[in-house]
Amino acid sequence: MYLIGILLTILLGTYFSWILCCPLCEEKNKPISNETENVETTKVVHKDPTLYPFSIKDDNGDLSLKANDNFNFEKSNLNFLNPISSNLDLEIDKLKEYLGSKDNKSISITGYYTDEEKNNSPLKNLGLARANSVKNYFANKGIPSKIMNISGQKKKEMIPDSLNVYHGPLAFNVTELKDDTEDIAKLGAYIKANPIVLKFNTGKFNFNLTEAERQEMADIIKYLDKVDGAMCLVIGHTDNSGSAETNLNLGQGRADGVKKYLIKNGIPADKIIATSKGETEPIADNNTEEGKAENRRTVITIK
């Protein structure tokens, strides 16, 4: 019996050892798969910046100018980077000479912009503001503003460089000069009948332009360009809170602030007159808060 017990113990131990160890052995002896885990990797694609070299031609004349350089703009900025290259300046001098020898030519300047940029200018889009900035440079070089036309165009595919600079986001073209005297006269009458009116909180100087006012500002710039001697008038008004002298100064401060804003955004300083009427020309009842709010205004128009 003793020997039988020993034999049973050995048999049971062997059985349970096999039951417990076998799965581990199978896992240990399992062949290693050659398959590797698929890991998704995101490749960063660096696209080359969009380059627009300076190019301008007259399809009905003998003008064809080109330069590898152009006016460059930082992202969301309406003012081009200085200095511009001497090669570009040389081509602009040739343009001035060509236009000066003709009496029936005009030049169009189209500024490009993207959806990714912010428009902090007083104009309806950043492309128009960029075109206006270049137009002013051309005017300083001696090209008459009245023969220049500006516009803005969205470019979805335009790519800046690694420093967020757009290279030459502009297009130029010389065309036949059209007689738009009647249209400009109508535009002037419309601006005078519908001036831009900016409202202010009590004692405050900050303001914002609406989309409609940005379009009206573009109309004012166009009129200033086309009409010799035309001026932009910025007139400050207040309610009757405080003394007349204080309000006169307050109105002047607001008008001067608007003038500085317009100059900063590409409107020539010598085309803007900023004055104050203080509390002397109310358009609503100063006995109500609503009326006072209407009287705290700065008017932008032309003369």
Foldseek 3Di string as FASTA:
>chain_A
DVVVVVVVVVVVVVVVVCVVCVVVVCVVPPDDDPDDDDDDDDDDDDDDADADWDWEDEPPDDDTDTDSAAFKAAAQDQATDDDGDPNVVVRLVVVQVVVVVDDWKAKEKWAEHEPVGDHPFLALDSRQLNSLNVLVVSVVVPDALQRYHYYYDYDHPGGAPPRRMGTHRMDMYMYTHDPCVVVLVVLQVVCVVPWDKWFDDVPDQDTDDDSVSNNSVVSVQNSPRNDPPKAKEKEFEAACPDDQVVQQVSRQVNQVVVLVSNVVSRDDSVRYDYGYPGNPDQPADSVDPVSRRRRGIMTIGMD
